[in-house]
Amino acid sequence: TAAFVLGVPVGTAIGNALGWRAAFTIIGVVVAVLALVIV
């Protein structure tokens, strides 16, 4: 649910402001950080 509340809308906003490639880069970094949280 948070992905629809924040993730997709914020990703859309980032894509509109900085380009869709920036949105994919940022989510890639965040995913790596969450892997460390799981550990």
PDB file of all heavy atoms in Angstrom:
ATOM      1  N   THR A   1       0.828  -1.203   0.000  1.00  0.00           N
ATOM      2  CA  THR A   1       0.000   0.000   0.000  1.00  0.00           C
ATOM      3  C   THR A   1       0.865   1.256   0.000  1.00  0.00           C
ATOM      4  O   THR A   1       0.584   2.223  -0.717  1.00  0.00           O
ATOM      5  CB  THR A   1      -0.924  -0.002   1.230  1.00  0.00           C
ATOM      6  OG1 THR A   1      -1.753  -1.156   1.182  1.00  0.00           O
ATOM      7  CG2 THR A   1      -1.802   1.243   1.252  1.00  0.00           C
ATOM      8  N   ALA A   2       1.935   1.246   0.794  1.00  0.00           N
ATOM      9  CA  ALA A   2       2.842   2.393   0.835  1.00  0.00           C
ATOM     10  C   ALA A   2       3.486   2.639  -0.521  1.00  0.00           C
ATOM     11  O   ALA A   2       3.797   3.781  -0.876  1.00  0.00           O
ATOM     12  CB  ALA A   2       3.915   2.178   1.899  1.00  0.00           C
ATOM     13  N   ALA A   3       3.669   1.566  -1.287  1.00  0.00           N
ATOM     14  CA  ALA A   3       4.226   1.727  -2.628  1.00  0.00           C
ATOM     15  C   ALA A   3       3.296   2.564  -3.499  1.00  0.00           C
ATOM     16  O   ALA A   3       3.746   3.390  -4.303  1.00  0.00           O
ATOM     17  CB  ALA A   3       4.466   0.357  -3.263  1.00  0.00           C
ATOM     18  N   PHE A   4       1.977   2.344  -3.341  1.00  0.00           N
ATOM     19  CA  PHE A   4       1.021   3.138  -4.105  1.00  0.00           C
ATOM     20  C   PHE A   4       0.843   4.529  -3.507  1.00  0.00           C
ATOM     21  O   PHE A   4       0.574   5.497  -4.224  1.00  0.00           O
ATOM     22  CB  PHE A   4      -0.318   2.412  -4.178  1.00  0.00           C
ATOM     23  CG  PHE A   4      -0.273   1.167  -5.018  1.00  0.00           C
ATOM     24  CD1 PHE A   4      -0.324  -0.085  -4.428  1.00  0.00           C
ATOM     25  CD2 PHE A   4      -0.167   1.243  -6.396  1.00  0.00           C
ATOM     26  CE1 PHE A   4      -0.272  -1.236  -5.196  1.00  0.00           C
ATOM     27  CE2 PHE A   4      -0.114   0.097  -7.174  1.00  0.00           C
ATOM     28  CZ  PHE A   4      -0.164  -1.146  -6.570  1.00  0.00           C
ATOM     29  N   VAL A   5       0.992   4.635  -2.162  1.00  0.00           N
ATOM     30  CA  VAL A   5       0.855   5.932  -1.507  1.00  0.00           C
ATOM     31  C   VAL A   5       2.044   6.827  -1.803  1.00  0.00           C
ATOM     32  O   VAL A   5       1.894   8.007  -2.142  1.00  0.00           O
ATOM     33  CB  VAL A   5       0.720   5.751   0.020  1.00  0.00           C
ATOM     34  CG1 VAL A   5       0.680   7.101   0.727  1.00  0.00           C
ATOM     35  CG2 VAL A   5      -0.526   4.964   0.360  1.00  0.00           C
ATOM     36  N   LEU A   6       3.257   6.274  -1.669  1.00  0.00           N
ATOM     37  CA  LEU A   6       4.476   7.067  -1.792  1.00  0.00           C
ATOM     38  C   LEU A   6       5.343   6.656  -2.970  1.00  0.00           C
ATOM     39  O   LEU A   6       5.794   7.494  -3.741  1.00  0.00           O
ATOM     40  CB  LEU A   6       5.300   6.965  -0.504  1.00  0.00           C
ATOM     41  CG  LEU A   6       4.692   7.575   0.755  1.00  0.00           C
ATOM     42  CD1 LEU A   6       5.585   7.272   1.959  1.00  0.00           C
ATOM     43  CD2 LEU A   6       4.515   9.077   0.591  1.00  0.00           C
ATOM     44  N   GLY A   7       5.587   5.342  -3.088  1.00  0.00           N
ATOM     45  CA  GLY A   7       6.560   4.880  -4.065  1.00  0.00           C
ATOM     46  C   GLY A   7       6.244   5.277  -5.489  1.00  0.00           C
ATOM     47  O   GLY A   7       7.040   5.972  -6.145  1.00  0.00           O
ATOM     48  N   VAL A   8       5.079   4.854  -6.000  1.00  0.00           N
ATOM     49  CA  VAL A   8       4.733   5.150  -7.386  1.00  0.00           C
ATOM     50  C   VAL A   8       4.486   6.645  -7.605  1.00  0.00           C
ATOM     51  O   VAL A   8       5.010   7.221  -8.569  1.00  0.00           O
ATOM     52  CB  VAL A   8       3.515   4.306  -7.832  1.00  0.00           C
ATOM     53  CG1 VAL A   8       3.076   4.687  -9.241  1.00  0.00           C
ATOM     54  CG2 VAL A   8       3.868   2.815  -7.780  1.00  0.00           C
ATOM     55  N   PRO A   9       3.719   7.331  -6.728  1.00  0.00           N
ATOM     56  CA  PRO A   9       3.545   8.776  -6.943  1.00  0.00           C
ATOM     57  C   PRO A   9       4.847   9.566  -6.854  1.00  0.00           C
ATOM     58  O   PRO A   9       5.089  10.458  -7.676  1.00  0.00           O
ATOM     59  CB  PRO A   9       2.585   9.181  -5.800  1.00  0.00           C
ATOM     60  CG  PRO A   9       1.865   7.929  -5.464  1.00  0.00           C
ATOM     61  CD  PRO A   9       2.863   6.836  -5.642  1.00  0.00           C
ATOM     62  N   VAL A  10       5.708   9.247  -5.868  1.00  0.00           N
ATOM     63  CA  VAL A  10       6.983   9.960  -5.765  1.00  0.00           C
ATOM     64  C   VAL A  10       7.866   9.626  -6.962  1.00  0.00           C
ATOM     65  O   VAL A  10       8.547  10.498  -7.513  1.00  0.00           O
ATOM     66  CB  VAL A  10       7.697   9.612  -4.438  1.00  0.00           C
ATOM     67  CG1 VAL A  10       9.128  10.133  -4.437  1.00  0.00           C
ATOM     68  CG2 VAL A  10       6.931  10.195  -3.263  1.00  0.00           C
ATOM     69  N   GLY A  11       7.852   8.348  -7.367  1.00  0.00           N
ATOM     70  CA  GLY A  11       8.603   7.981  -8.564  1.00  0.00           C
ATOM     71  C   GLY A  11       8.107   8.729  -9.790  1.00  0.00           C
ATOM     72  O   GLY A  11       8.902   9.167 -10.627  1.00  0.00           O
ATOM     73  N   THR A  12       6.783   8.896  -9.894  1.00  0.00           N
ATOM     74  CA  THR A  12       6.206   9.659 -11.000  1.00  0.00           C
ATOM     75  C   THR A  12       6.643  11.118 -10.942  1.00  0.00           C
ATOM     76  O   THR A  12       7.006  11.715 -11.969  1.00  0.00           O
ATOM     77  CB  THR A  12       4.668   9.574 -10.961  1.00  0.00           C
ATOM     78  OG1 THR A  12       4.271   8.206 -11.051  1.00  0.00           O
ATOM     79  CG2 THR A  12       4.050  10.351 -12.110  1.00  0.00           C
ATOM     80  N   ALA A  13       6.622  11.683  -9.727  1.00  0.00           N
ATOM     81  CA  ALA A  13       7.043  13.079  -9.562  1.00  0.00           C
ATOM     82  C   ALA A  13       8.520  13.256  -9.915  1.00  0.00           C
ATOM     83  O   ALA A  13       8.903  14.224 -10.575  1.00  0.00           O
ATOM     84  CB  ALA A  13       6.777  13.532  -8.131  1.00  0.00           C
ATOM     85  N   ILE A  14       9.356  12.321  -9.473  1.00  0.00           N
ATOM     86  CA  ILE A  14      10.779  12.383  -9.809  1.00  0.00           C
ATOM     87  C   ILE A  14      10.974  12.253 -11.311  1.00  0.00           C
ATOM     88  O   ILE A  14      11.785  12.973 -11.924  1.00  0.00           O
ATOM     89  CB  ILE A  14      11.556  11.265  -9.068  1.00  0.00           C
ATOM     90  CG1 ILE A  14      11.581  11.547  -7.567  1.00  0.00           C
ATOM     91  CG2 ILE A  14      12.986  11.143  -9.603  1.00  0.00           C
ATOM     92  CD1 ILE A  14      12.156  10.406  -6.748  1.00  0.00           C
ATOM     93  N   GLY A  15      10.210  11.324 -11.918  1.00  0.00           N
ATOM     94  CA  GLY A  15      10.312  11.153 -13.363  1.00  0.00           C
ATOM     95  C   GLY A  15       9.913  12.404 -14.122  1.00  0.00           C
ATOM     96  O   GLY A  15      10.550  12.771 -15.111  1.00  0.00           O
ATOM     97  N   ASN A  16       8.877  13.093 -13.647  1.00  0.00           N
ATOM     98  CA  ASN A  16       8.436  14.328 -14.305  1.00  0.00           C
ATOM     99  C   ASN A  16       9.454  15.447 -14.132  1.00  0.00           C
ATOM    100  O   ASN A  16       9.635  16.288 -15.023  1.00  0.00           O
ATOM    101  CB  ASN A  16       7.083  14.772 -13.753  1.00  0.00           C
ATOM    102  CG  ASN A  16       5.958  13.847 -14.198  1.00  0.00           C
ATOM    103  OD1 ASN A  16       6.051  13.183 -15.223  1.00  0.00           O
ATOM    104  ND2 ASN A  16       4.882  13.808 -13.418  1.00  0.00           N
ATOM    105  N   ALA A  17      10.127  15.472 -12.953  1.00  0.00           N
ATOM    106  CA  ALA A  17      11.069  16.549 -12.661  1.00  0.00           C
ATOM    107  C   ALA A  17      12.469  16.278 -13.205  1.00  0.00           C
ATOM    108  O   ALA A  17      13.117  17.185 -13.748  1.00  0.00           O
ATOM    109  CB  ALA A  17      11.145  16.767 -11.145  1.00  0.00           C
ATOM    110  N   LEU A  18      12.955  15.053 -13.065  1.00  0.00           N
ATOM    111  CA  LEU A  18      14.348  14.737 -13.394  1.00  0.00           C
ATOM    112  C   LEU A  18      14.489  13.745 -14.545  1.00  0.00           C
ATOM    113  O   LEU A  18      15.608  13.485 -14.986  1.00  0.00           O
ATOM    114  CB  LEU A  18      15.062  14.170 -12.153  1.00  0.00           C
ATOM    115  CG  LEU A  18      15.062  15.047 -10.901  1.00  0.00           C
ATOM    116  CD1 LEU A  18      15.745  14.308  -9.752  1.00  0.00           C
ATOM    117  CD2 LEU A  18      15.747  16.381 -11.179  1.00  0.00           C
ATOM    118  N   GLY A  19      13.370  13.171 -14.973  1.00  0.00           N
ATOM    119  CA  GLY A  19      13.430  12.159 -16.022  1.00  0.00           C
ATOM    120  C   GLY A  19      13.184  10.767 -15.455  1.00  0.00           C
ATOM    121  O   GLY A  19      13.525  10.483 -14.310  1.00  0.00           O
ATOM    122  N   TRP A  20      12.600   9.895 -16.295  1.00  0.00           N
ATOM    123  CA  TRP A  20      12.244   8.566 -15.812  1.00  0.00           C
ATOM    124  C   TRP A  20      13.462   7.735 -15.436  1.00  0.00           C
ATOM    125  O   TRP A  20      13.387   6.876 -14.554  1.00  0.00           O
ATOM    126  CB  TRP A  20      11.391   7.840 -16.850  1.00  0.00           C
ATOM    127  CG  TRP A  20      12.084   7.501 -18.138  1.00  0.00           C
ATOM    128  CD1 TRP A  20      12.141   8.258 -19.273  1.00  0.00           C
ATOM    129  CD2 TRP A  20      12.811   6.298 -18.430  1.00  0.00           C
ATOM    130  NE1 TRP A  20      12.860   7.618 -20.255  1.00  0.00           N
ATOM    131  CE2 TRP A  20      13.276   6.404 -19.774  1.00  0.00           C
ATOM    132  CE3 TRP A  20      13.103   5.154 -17.715  1.00  0.00           C
ATOM    133  CZ2 TRP A  20      14.032   5.415 -20.389  1.00  0.00           C
ATOM    134  CZ3 TRP A  20      13.857   4.142 -18.321  1.00  0.00           C
ATOM    135  CH2 TRP A  20      14.309   4.281 -19.646  1.00  0.00           C
ATOM    136  N   ARG A  21      14.605   8.010 -16.069  1.00  0.00           N
ATOM    137  CA  ARG A  21      15.816   7.260 -15.736  1.00  0.00           C
ATOM    138  C   ARG A  21      16.286   7.546 -14.316  1.00  0.00           C
ATOM    139  O   ARG A  21      16.773   6.643 -13.607  1.00  0.00           O
ATOM    140  CB  ARG A  21      16.918   7.575 -16.749  1.00  0.00           C
ATOM    141  CG  ARG A  21      16.574   7.138 -18.170  1.00  0.00           C
ATOM    142  CD  ARG A  21      17.694   7.473 -19.154  1.00  0.00           C
ATOM    143  NE  ARG A  21      17.299   7.169 -20.524  1.00  0.00           N
ATOM    144  CZ  ARG A  21      17.403   5.972 -21.092  1.00  0.00           C
ATOM    145  NH1 ARG A  21      17.904   4.961 -20.396  1.00  0.00           N
ATOM    146  NH2 ARG A  21      17.029   5.792 -22.341  1.00  0.00           N
ATOM    147  N   ALA A  22      16.129   8.777 -13.883  1.00  0.00           N
ATOM    148  CA  ALA A  22      16.495   9.128 -12.508  1.00  0.00           C
ATOM    149  C   ALA A  22      15.610   8.383 -11.518  1.00  0.00           C
ATOM    150  O   ALA A  22      16.080   7.936 -10.459  1.00  0.00           O
ATOM    151  CB  ALA A  22      16.373  10.638 -12.301  1.00  0.00           C
ATOM    152  N   ALA A  23      14.322   8.235 -11.847  1.00  0.00           N
ATOM    153  CA  ALA A  23      13.412   7.519 -10.959  1.00  0.00           C
ATOM    154  C   ALA A  23      13.844   6.067 -10.791  1.00  0.00           C
ATOM    155  O   ALA A  23      13.850   5.526  -9.663  1.00  0.00           O
ATOM    156  CB  ALA A  23      11.983   7.583 -11.517  1.00  0.00           C
ATOM    157  N   PHE A  24      14.239   5.400 -11.878  1.00  0.00           N
ATOM    158  CA  PHE A  24      14.697   4.015 -11.785  1.00  0.00           C
ATOM    159  C   PHE A  24      16.009   3.909 -11.000  1.00  0.00           C
ATOM    160  O   PHE A  24      16.217   2.957 -10.239  1.00  0.00           O
ATOM    161  CB  PHE A  24      14.862   3.415 -13.182  1.00  0.00           C
ATOM    162  CG  PHE A  24      13.604   2.837 -13.744  1.00  0.00           C
ATOM    163  CD1 PHE A  24      12.784   3.589 -14.577  1.00  0.00           C
ATOM    164  CD2 PHE A  24      13.219   1.540 -13.443  1.00  0.00           C
ATOM    165  CE1 PHE A  24      11.614   3.053 -15.108  1.00  0.00           C
ATOM    166  CE2 PHE A  24      12.041   1.003 -13.956  1.00  0.00           C
ATOM    167  CZ  PHE A  24      11.237   1.763 -14.792  1.00  0.00           C
ATOM    168  N   THR A  25      16.899   4.867 -11.185  1.00  0.00           N
ATOM    169  CA  THR A  25      18.168   4.849 -10.452  1.00  0.00           C
ATOM    170  C   THR A  25      17.939   4.965  -8.953  1.00  0.00           C
ATOM    171  O   THR A  25      18.516   4.211  -8.149  1.00  0.00           O
ATOM    172  CB  THR A  25      19.071   6.006 -10.918  1.00  0.00           C
ATOM    173  OG1 THR A  25      19.324   5.881 -12.315  1.00  0.00           O
ATOM    174  CG2 THR A  25      20.390   5.988 -10.167  1.00  0.00           C
ATOM    175  N   ILE A  26      17.087   5.897  -8.568  1.00  0.00           N
ATOM    176  CA  ILE A  26      16.840   6.129  -7.144  1.00  0.00           C
ATOM    177  C   ILE A  26      16.184   4.912  -6.499  1.00  0.00           C
ATOM    178  O   ILE A  26      16.577   4.495  -5.403  1.00  0.00           O
ATOM    179  CB  ILE A  26      15.982   7.393  -6.964  1.00  0.00           C
ATOM    180  CG1 ILE A  26      16.807   8.635  -7.334  1.00  0.00           C
ATOM    181  CG2 ILE A  26      15.475   7.507  -5.523  1.00  0.00           C
ATOM    182  CD1 ILE A  26      16.011   9.908  -7.403  1.00  0.00           C
ATOM    183  N   ILE A  27      15.197   4.310  -7.163  1.00  0.00           N
ATOM    184  CA  ILE A  27      14.550   3.137  -6.562  1.00  0.00           C
ATOM    185  C   ILE A  27      15.536   1.977  -6.470  1.00  0.00           C
ATOM    186  O   ILE A  27      15.499   1.189  -5.520  1.00  0.00           O
ATOM    187  CB  ILE A  27      13.282   2.734  -7.349  1.00  0.00           C
ATOM    188  CG1 ILE A  27      12.503   1.656  -6.575  1.00  0.00           C
ATOM    189  CG2 ILE A  27      13.618   2.208  -8.719  1.00  0.00           C
ATOM    190  CD1 ILE A  27      12.047   2.049  -5.216  1.00  0.00           C
ATOM    191  N   GLY A  28      16.477   1.883  -7.411  1.00  0.00           N
ATOM    192  CA  GLY A  28      17.496   0.844  -7.320  1.00  0.00           C
ATOM    193  C   GLY A  28      18.357   0.994  -6.084  1.00  0.00           C
ATOM    194  O   GLY A  28      18.659   0.009  -5.389  1.00  0.00           O
ATOM    195  N   VAL A  29      18.740   2.221  -5.777  1.00  0.00           N
ATOM    196  CA  VAL A  29      19.540   2.482  -4.577  1.00  0.00           C
ATOM    197  C   VAL A  29      18.747   2.168  -3.311  1.00  0.00           C
ATOM    198  O   VAL A  29      19.253   1.555  -2.366  1.00  0.00           O
ATOM    199  CB  VAL A  29      20.022   3.949  -4.562  1.00  0.00           C
ATOM    200  CG1 VAL A  29      20.699   4.277  -3.241  1.00  0.00           C
ATOM    201  CG2 VAL A  29      20.985   4.198  -5.726  1.00  0.00           C
ATOM    202  N   VAL A  30      17.474   2.572  -3.292  1.00  0.00           N
ATOM    203  CA  VAL A  30      16.631   2.324  -2.116  1.00  0.00           C
ATOM    204  C   VAL A  30      16.437   0.821  -1.890  1.00  0.00           C
ATOM    205  O   VAL A  30      16.434   0.351  -0.749  1.00  0.00           O
ATOM    206  CB  VAL A  30      15.266   3.037  -2.270  1.00  0.00           C
ATOM    207  CG1 VAL A  30      14.343   2.680  -1.116  1.00  0.00           C
ATOM    208  CG2 VAL A  30      15.465   4.545  -2.332  1.00  0.00           C
ATOM    209  N   VAL A  31      16.279   0.059  -2.961  1.00  0.00           N
ATOM    210  CA  VAL A  31      16.137  -1.396  -2.827  1.00  0.00           C
ATOM    211  C   VAL A  31      17.381  -1.993  -2.169  1.00  0.00           C
ATOM    212  O   VAL A  31      17.287  -2.854  -1.280  1.00  0.00           O
ATOM    213  CB  VAL A  31      15.889  -2.053  -4.197  1.00  0.00           C
ATOM    214  CG1 VAL A  31      15.951  -3.577  -4.074  1.00  0.00           C
ATOM    215  CG2 VAL A  31      14.535  -1.646  -4.751  1.00  0.00           C
ATOM    216  N   ALA A  32      18.560  -1.549  -2.589  1.00  0.00           N
ATOM    217  CA  ALA A  32      19.806  -2.048  -1.997  1.00  0.00           C
ATOM    218  C   ALA A  32      19.878  -1.733  -0.505  1.00  0.00           C
ATOM    219  O   ALA A  32      20.329  -2.555   0.305  1.00  0.00           O
ATOM    220  CB  ALA A  32      21.012  -1.449  -2.727  1.00  0.00           C
ATOM    221  N   VAL A  33      19.420  -0.543  -0.123  1.00  0.00           N
ATOM    222  CA  VAL A  33      19.409  -0.170   1.299  1.00  0.00           C
ATOM    223  C   VAL A  33      18.468  -1.083   2.089  1.00  0.00           C
ATOM    224  O   VAL A  33      18.790  -1.527   3.200  1.00  0.00           O
ATOM    225  CB  VAL A  33      18.994   1.312   1.462  1.00  0.00           C
ATOM    226  CG1 VAL A  33      18.751   1.645   2.931  1.00  0.00           C
ATOM    227  CG2 VAL A  33      20.060   2.224   0.878  1.00  0.00           C
ATOM    228  N   LEU A  34      17.307  -1.401   1.512  1.00  0.00           N
ATOM    229  CA  LEU A  34      16.354  -2.273   2.206  1.00  0.00           C
ATOM    230  C   LEU A  34      16.899  -3.687   2.364  1.00  0.00           C
ATOM    231  O   LEU A  34      16.554  -4.391   3.319  1.00  0.00           O
ATOM    232  CB  LEU A  34      15.016  -2.285   1.475  1.00  0.00           C
ATOM    233  CG  LEU A  34      13.927  -1.390   2.082  1.00  0.00           C
ATOM    234  CD1 LEU A  34      13.521  -1.883   3.470  1.00  0.00           C
ATOM    235  CD2 LEU A  34      14.386   0.065   2.151  1.00  0.00           C
ATOM    236  N   ALA A  35      17.749  -4.118   1.452  1.00  0.00           N
ATOM    237  CA  ALA A  35      18.385  -5.429   1.610  1.00  0.00           C
ATOM    238  C   ALA A  35      19.219  -5.454   2.887  1.00  0.00           C
ATOM    239  O   ALA A  35      19.239  -6.455   3.621  1.00  0.00           O
ATOM    240  CB  ALA A  35      19.247  -5.757   0.394  1.00  0.00           C
ATOM    241  N   LEU A  36      19.897  -4.358   3.187  1.00  0.00           N
ATOM    242  CA  LEU A  36      20.682  -4.270   4.422  1.00  0.00           C
ATOM    243  C   LEU A  36      19.777  -4.252   5.652  1.00  0.00           C
ATOM    244  O   LEU A  36      20.122  -4.826   6.694  1.00  0.00           O
ATOM    245  CB  LEU A  36      21.557  -3.011   4.387  1.00  0.00           C
ATOM    246  CG  LEU A  36      22.594  -2.939   3.256  1.00  0.00           C
ATOM    247  CD1 LEU A  36      23.349  -1.617   3.319  1.00  0.00           C
ATOM    248  CD2 LEU A  36      23.557  -4.116   3.344  1.00  0.00           C
ATOM    249  N   VAL A  37      18.631  -3.606   5.543  1.00  0.00           N
ATOM    250  CA  VAL A  37      17.671  -3.594   6.651  1.00  0.00           C
ATOM    251  C   VAL A  37      17.194  -5.017   6.959  1.00  0.00           C
ATOM    252  O   VAL A  37      17.073  -5.415   8.119  1.00  0.00           O
ATOM    253  CB  VAL A  37      16.471  -2.684   6.309  1.00  0.00           C
ATOM    254  CG1 VAL A  37      15.369  -2.820   7.357  1.00  0.00           C
ATOM    255  CG2 VAL A  37      16.931  -1.230   6.205  1.00  0.00           C
ATOM    256  N   ILE A  38      16.934  -5.798   5.914  1.00  0.00           N
ATOM    257  CA  ILE A  38      16.510  -7.186   6.093  1.00  0.00           C
ATOM    258  C   ILE A  38      17.602  -7.988   6.810  1.00  0.00           C
ATOM    259  O   ILE A  38      17.316  -8.781   7.720  1.00  0.00           O
ATOM    260  CB  ILE A  38      16.185  -7.832   4.730  1.00  0.00           C
ATOM    261  CG1 ILE A  38      14.900  -7.222   4.148  1.00  0.00           C
ATOM    262  CG2 ILE A  38      16.053  -9.351   4.856  1.00  0.00           C
ATOM    263  CD1 ILE A  38      13.654  -7.534   4.926  1.00  0.00           C
ATOM    264  N   VAL A  39      18.844  -7.800   6.410  1.00  0.00           N
ATOM    265  CA  VAL A  39      19.963  -8.494   7.061  1.00  0.00           C
ATOM    266  C   VAL A  39      19.973  -8.208   8.555  1.00  0.00           C
ATOM    267  O   VAL A  39      20.193  -9.101   9.386  1.00  0.00           O
ATOM    268  CB  VAL A  39      21.303  -8.079   6.422  1.00  0.00           C
ATOM    269  CG1 VAL A  39      22.481  -8.628   7.238  1.00  0.00           C
ATOM    270  CG2 VAL A  39      21.394  -8.574   4.988  1.00  0.00           C
TER     271      VAL A  39
END
